[in-house]
Amino acid sequence: MPIRSLPWRLAIGCALALASAVPAAAAPVADPPASDAAANAARVREAFAAWRDGRGSVFDLLHEDVEWTVAGTSPVSGVYRSRAQFLEQAVAPIGARLATPIVPTVEQVLAQDDMVVVVWSGQATTRDGGTYRNRYAWHMQLREDRIVRVIAFLDTWALAELLR
């Protein structure tokens, strides 16, 4: 046997030995059905459409015990551990500076398993007649048709300017 073929034969033998050591009963864990991801994406798209049309908002999907994280260093950045806390301490101060609701424009929705990511932009008129514009990426986890966890990325500079 040539010396060069020995390493290949050893490698193949080791691979076969390792493969036979895996129990036959071990099966990969199945991913949730793709239809769950599609249903979650559709639910979130509809909530954004309702918000855009003045018929509701994404916040209507929040679980009472949602964990909402506003990334960055804006005046409302931080972690909120309930729907009530988030709406009172983060959403209300923003709304108090606006003359009109933020109108969202969804740019992209990506869904996998129980996660939905929405990239969107929003615009509103401020109380002093200016325009508030921002871009967002919300990474949302849904459970039983409710949003249970969010990490919201946005232009915190624009938000800080609004809240100043």
C-alpha atoms as a PDB file:
ATOM      1  CA  MET A   1       0.000   0.000   0.000  1.00  0.00           C
ATOM      2  CA  PRO A   2       1.440   3.397  -0.942  1.00  0.00           C
ATOM      3  CA  ILE A   3       2.147   5.769   1.945  1.00  0.00           C
ATOM      4  CA  ARG A   4       0.000   8.551   0.395  1.00  0.00           C
ATOM      5  CA  SER A   5      -3.234   6.535   0.511  1.00  0.00           C
ATOM      6  CA  LEU A   6      -2.852   5.620   4.195  1.00  0.00           C
ATOM      7  CA  PRO A   7      -4.081   8.982   5.569  1.00  0.00           C
ATOM      8  CA  TRP A   8      -7.165   8.814   3.344  1.00  0.00           C
ATOM      9  CA  ARG A   9      -7.962   5.272   4.457  1.00  0.00           C
ATOM     10  CA  LEU A  10      -7.544   6.287   8.109  1.00  0.00           C
ATOM     11  CA  ALA A  11      -9.799   9.316   7.632  1.00  0.00           C
ATOM     12  CA  ILE A  12     -12.515   7.260   5.940  1.00  0.00           C
ATOM     13  CA  GLY A  13     -12.264   4.575   8.631  1.00  0.00           C
ATOM     14  CA  CYS A  14     -12.585   7.161  11.423  1.00  0.00           C
ATOM     15  CA  ALA A  15     -15.568   8.767   9.714  1.00  0.00           C
ATOM     16  CA  LEU A  16     -17.308   5.407   9.359  1.00  0.00           C
ATOM     17  CA  ALA A  17     -16.587   4.530  12.988  1.00  0.00           C
ATOM     18  CA  LEU A  18     -17.984   7.857  14.196  1.00  0.00           C
ATOM     19  CA  ALA A  19     -21.059   7.554  11.989  1.00  0.00           C
ATOM     20  CA  SER A  20     -21.848   4.114  13.362  1.00  0.00           C
ATOM     21  CA  ALA A  21     -21.501   5.415  16.935  1.00  0.00           C
ATOM     22  CA  VAL A  22     -24.530   7.740  16.555  1.00  0.00           C
ATOM     23  CA  PRO A  23     -27.618   6.002  17.970  1.00  0.00           C
ATOM     24  CA  ALA A  24     -30.245   5.181  15.381  1.00  0.00           C
ATOM     25  CA  ALA A  25     -32.995   6.654  17.590  1.00  0.00           C
ATOM     26  CA  ALA A  26     -31.451  10.128  17.532  1.00  0.00           C
ATOM     27  CA  ALA A  27     -33.469  12.240  15.116  1.00  0.00           C
ATOM     28  CA  PRO A  28     -33.037  15.892  14.310  1.00  0.00           C
ATOM     29  CA  VAL A  29     -35.476  18.273  15.980  1.00  0.00           C
ATOM     30  CA  ALA A  30     -37.998  19.452  13.444  1.00  0.00           C
ATOM     31  CA  ASP A  31     -38.352  23.156  12.705  1.00  0.00           C
ATOM     32  CA  PRO A  32     -41.804  24.652  13.215  1.00  0.00           C
ATOM     33  CA  PRO A  33     -43.885  24.455  10.051  1.00  0.00           C
ATOM     34  CA  ALA A  34     -43.186  27.172   7.502  1.00  0.00           C
ATOM     35  CA  SER A  35     -46.886  28.042   7.694  1.00  0.00           C
ATOM     36  CA  ASP A  36     -46.343  29.373  11.255  1.00  0.00           C
ATOM     37  CA  ALA A  37     -43.753  31.822   9.948  1.00  0.00           C
ATOM     38  CA  ALA A  38     -46.039  32.834   7.080  1.00  0.00           C
ATOM     39  CA  ALA A  39     -49.002  33.300   9.436  1.00  0.00           C
ATOM     40  CA  ASN A  40     -46.902  35.409  11.813  1.00  0.00           C
ATOM     41  CA  ALA A  41     -45.646  37.559   8.937  1.00  0.00           C
ATOM     42  CA  ALA A  42     -49.209  38.040   7.660  1.00  0.00           C
ATOM     43  CA  ARG A  43     -50.427  38.985  11.142  1.00  0.00           C
ATOM     44  CA  VAL A  44     -47.676  41.585  11.534  1.00  0.00           C
ATOM     45  CA  ARG A  45     -48.216  42.958   8.005  1.00  0.00           C
ATOM     46  CA  GLU A  46     -51.925  43.408   8.765  1.00  0.00           C
ATOM     47  CA  ALA A  47     -51.128  45.198  12.047  1.00  0.00           C
ATOM     48  CA  PHE A  48     -48.830  47.615  10.204  1.00  0.00           C
ATOM     49  CA  ALA A  49     -51.510  48.172   7.524  1.00  0.00           C
ATOM     50  CA  ALA A  50     -54.079  48.915  10.245  1.00  0.00           C
ATOM     51  CA  TRP A  51     -51.642  51.371  11.825  1.00  0.00           C
ATOM     52  CA  ARG A  52     -50.977  53.070   8.476  1.00  0.00           C
ATOM     53  CA  ASP A  53     -54.734  53.335   7.829  1.00  0.00           C
ATOM     54  CA  GLY A  54     -55.590  54.612  11.331  1.00  0.00           C
ATOM     55  CA  ARG A  55     -57.471  51.419  12.313  1.00  0.00           C
ATOM     56  CA  GLY A  56     -55.110  50.218  15.058  1.00  0.00           C
ATOM     57  CA  SER A  57     -51.411  49.516  15.459  1.00  0.00           C
ATOM     58  CA  VAL A  58     -48.787  46.872  15.936  1.00  0.00           C
ATOM     59  CA  PHE A  59     -49.076  47.566  19.653  1.00  0.00           C
ATOM     60  CA  ASP A  60     -52.489  45.835  19.548  1.00  0.00           C
ATOM     61  CA  LEU A  61     -50.571  42.545  19.128  1.00  0.00           C
ATOM     62  CA  LEU A  62     -48.471  42.987  22.272  1.00  0.00           C
ATOM     63  CA  HIS A  63     -48.731  40.379  24.984  1.00  0.00           C
ATOM     64  CA  GLU A  64     -49.380  41.906  28.417  1.00  0.00           C
ATOM     65  CA  ASP A  65     -45.966  40.631  29.576  1.00  0.00           C
ATOM     66  CA  VAL A  66     -44.031  41.645  26.461  1.00  0.00           C
ATOM     67  CA  GLU A  67     -40.340  42.388  26.821  1.00  0.00           C
ATOM     68  CA  TRP A  68     -39.608  45.353  24.556  1.00  0.00           C
ATOM     69  CA  THR A  69     -36.036  46.609  24.181  1.00  0.00           C
ATOM     70  CA  VAL A  70     -35.389  49.982  22.573  1.00  0.00           C
ATOM     71  CA  ALA A  71     -31.766  49.795  21.421  1.00  0.00           C
ATOM     72  CA  GLY A  72     -29.352  52.665  21.624  1.00  0.00           C
ATOM     73  CA  THR A  73     -29.025  55.675  23.878  1.00  0.00           C
ATOM     74  CA  SER A  74     -32.167  57.728  23.284  1.00  0.00           C
ATOM     75  CA  PRO A  75     -34.216  59.082  26.208  1.00  0.00           C
ATOM     76  CA  VAL A  76     -36.536  56.052  25.892  1.00  0.00           C
ATOM     77  CA  SER A  77     -33.857  53.407  25.221  1.00  0.00           C
ATOM     78  CA  GLY A  78     -33.963  50.502  27.632  1.00  0.00           C
ATOM     79  CA  VAL A  79     -35.897  47.364  28.455  1.00  0.00           C
ATOM     80  CA  TYR A  80     -39.631  47.446  29.218  1.00  0.00           C
ATOM     81  CA  ARG A  81     -41.138  44.356  30.829  1.00  0.00           C
ATOM     82  CA  SER A  82     -44.839  44.832  30.185  1.00  0.00           C
ATOM     83  CA  ARG A  83     -47.185  46.275  27.582  1.00  0.00           C
ATOM     84  CA  ALA A  84     -48.384  48.916  30.047  1.00  0.00           C
ATOM     85  CA  GLN A  85     -44.849  49.979  31.015  1.00  0.00           C
ATOM     86  CA  PHE A  86     -43.753  50.211  27.375  1.00  0.00           C
ATOM     87  CA  LEU A  87     -46.793  52.223  26.270  1.00  0.00           C
ATOM     88  CA  GLU A  88     -46.573  54.578  29.254  1.00  0.00           C
ATOM     89  CA  GLN A  89     -42.815  55.130  29.419  1.00  0.00           C
ATOM     90  CA  ALA A  90     -41.754  54.866  25.773  1.00  0.00           C
ATOM     91  CA  VAL A  91     -44.702  55.383  23.433  1.00  0.00           C
ATOM     92  CA  ALA A  92     -46.516  58.128  25.369  1.00  0.00           C
ATOM     93  CA  PRO A  93     -43.526  60.531  25.554  1.00  0.00           C
ATOM     94  CA  ILE A  94     -43.070  60.194  21.793  1.00  0.00           C
ATOM     95  CA  GLY A  95     -46.764  60.712  21.097  1.00  0.00           C
ATOM     96  CA  ALA A  96     -46.779  63.807  23.341  1.00  0.00           C
ATOM     97  CA  ARG A  97     -44.326  65.511  20.936  1.00  0.00           C
ATOM     98  CA  LEU A  98     -46.342  64.700  17.814  1.00  0.00           C
ATOM     99  CA  ALA A  99     -49.332  66.496  16.305  1.00  0.00           C
ATOM    100  CA  THR A 100     -50.135  63.490  14.110  1.00  0.00           C
ATOM    101  CA  PRO A 101     -49.614  59.765  14.536  1.00  0.00           C
ATOM    102  CA  ILE A 102     -46.536  58.185  12.975  1.00  0.00           C
ATOM    103  CA  VAL A 103     -47.508  56.730   9.607  1.00  0.00           C
ATOM    104  CA  PRO A 104     -45.482  53.583   8.903  1.00  0.00           C
ATOM    105  CA  THR A 105     -44.244  52.464   5.511  1.00  0.00           C
ATOM    106  CA  VAL A 106     -43.153  48.833   5.559  1.00  0.00           C
ATOM    107  CA  GLU A 107     -40.085  48.163   3.467  1.00  0.00           C
ATOM    108  CA  GLN A 108     -39.452  44.514   4.231  1.00  0.00           C
ATOM    109  CA  VAL A 109     -40.856  41.681   6.344  1.00  0.00           C
ATOM    110  CA  LEU A 110     -38.783  38.582   7.011  1.00  0.00           C
ATOM    111  CA  ALA A 111     -40.122  35.631   9.002  1.00  0.00           C
ATOM    112  CA  GLN A 112     -38.523  32.452  10.283  1.00  0.00           C
ATOM    113  CA  ASP A 113     -40.013  30.138  12.881  1.00  0.00           C
ATOM    114  CA  ASP A 114     -41.600  32.384  15.555  1.00  0.00           C
ATOM    115  CA  MET A 115     -39.556  35.471  14.604  1.00  0.00           C
ATOM    116  CA  VAL A 116     -40.617  38.337  12.346  1.00  0.00           C
ATOM    117  CA  VAL A 117     -38.306  41.193  11.386  1.00  0.00           C
ATOM    118  CA  VAL A 118     -39.861  44.332   9.936  1.00  0.00           C
ATOM    119  CA  VAL A 119     -37.801  47.095   8.358  1.00  0.00           C
ATOM    120  CA  TRP A 120     -39.906  50.207   8.088  1.00  0.00           C
ATOM    121  CA  SER A 121     -39.857  53.969   8.019  1.00  0.00           C
ATOM    122  CA  GLY A 122     -42.225  56.335   9.757  1.00  0.00           C
ATOM    123  CA  GLN A 123     -43.180  59.955   9.440  1.00  0.00           C
ATOM    124  CA  ALA A 124     -45.301  62.341  11.524  1.00  0.00           C
ATOM    125  CA  THR A 125     -45.818  66.053  12.061  1.00  0.00           C
ATOM    126  CA  THR A 126     -44.376  67.417  15.290  1.00  0.00           C
ATOM    127  CA  ARG A 127     -46.266  69.770  17.605  1.00  0.00           C
ATOM    128  CA  ASP A 128     -44.080  72.667  16.435  1.00  0.00           C
ATOM    129  CA  GLY A 129     -44.966  72.001  12.783  1.00  0.00           C
ATOM    130  CA  GLY A 130     -41.785  70.121  11.870  1.00  0.00           C
ATOM    131  CA  THR A 131     -41.477  66.634  10.469  1.00  0.00           C
ATOM    132  CA  TYR A 132     -40.329  63.610  12.437  1.00  0.00           C
ATOM    133  CA  ARG A 133     -38.820  60.884  10.265  1.00  0.00           C
ATOM    134  CA  ASN A 134     -37.160  57.693  11.376  1.00  0.00           C
ATOM    135  CA  ARG A 135     -36.189  54.246  10.098  1.00  0.00           C
ATOM    136  CA  TYR A 136     -36.658  51.139  12.162  1.00  0.00           C
ATOM    137  CA  ALA A 137     -35.864  47.441  12.261  1.00  0.00           C
ATOM    138  CA  TRP A 138     -38.024  45.562  14.752  1.00  0.00           C
ATOM    139  CA  HIS A 139     -37.059  41.991  15.594  1.00  0.00           C
ATOM    140  CA  MET A 140     -40.214  40.433  17.054  1.00  0.00           C
ATOM    141  CA  GLN A 141     -40.933  37.039  18.582  1.00  0.00           C
ATOM    142  CA  LEU A 142     -44.531  35.838  18.509  1.00  0.00           C
ATOM    143  CA  ARG A 143     -46.216  33.183  20.598  1.00  0.00           C
ATOM    144  CA  GLU A 144     -49.888  32.255  20.207  1.00  0.00           C
ATOM    145  CA  ASP A 145     -50.587  35.233  17.915  1.00  0.00           C
ATOM    146  CA  ARG A 146     -49.065  37.734  20.357  1.00  0.00           C
ATOM    147  CA  ILE A 147     -45.769  39.612  20.308  1.00  0.00           C
ATOM    148  CA  VAL A 148     -43.816  38.491  23.377  1.00  0.00           C
ATOM    149  CA  ARG A 149     -40.354  39.968  22.744  1.00  0.00           C
ATOM    150  CA  VAL A 150     -39.023  42.840  20.622  1.00  0.00           C
ATOM    151  CA  ILE A 151     -35.677  44.446  19.989  1.00  0.00           C
ATOM    152  CA  ALA A 152     -36.302  47.754  18.242  1.00  0.00           C
ATOM    153  CA  PHE A 153     -33.434  49.334  16.332  1.00  0.00           C
ATOM    154  CA  LEU A 154     -33.889  52.916  15.128  1.00  0.00           C
ATOM    155  CA  ASP A 155     -32.145  56.213  14.537  1.00  0.00           C
ATOM    156  CA  THR A 156     -31.804  57.238  18.171  1.00  0.00           C
ATOM    157  CA  TRP A 157     -30.375  60.621  17.170  1.00  0.00           C
ATOM    158  CA  ALA A 158     -33.631  61.513  15.382  1.00  0.00           C
ATOM    159  CA  LEU A 159     -35.641  60.281  18.366  1.00  0.00           C
ATOM    160  CA  ALA A 160     -33.491  62.225  20.845  1.00  0.00           C
ATOM    161  CA  GLU A 161     -33.994  65.371  18.731  1.00  0.00           C
ATOM    162  CA  LEU A 162     -37.759  64.864  18.842  1.00  0.00           C
ATOM    163  CA  LEU A 163     -37.774  64.397  22.615  1.00  0.00           C
ATOM    164  CA  ARG A 164     -35.485  67.382  23.302  1.00  0.00           C
END
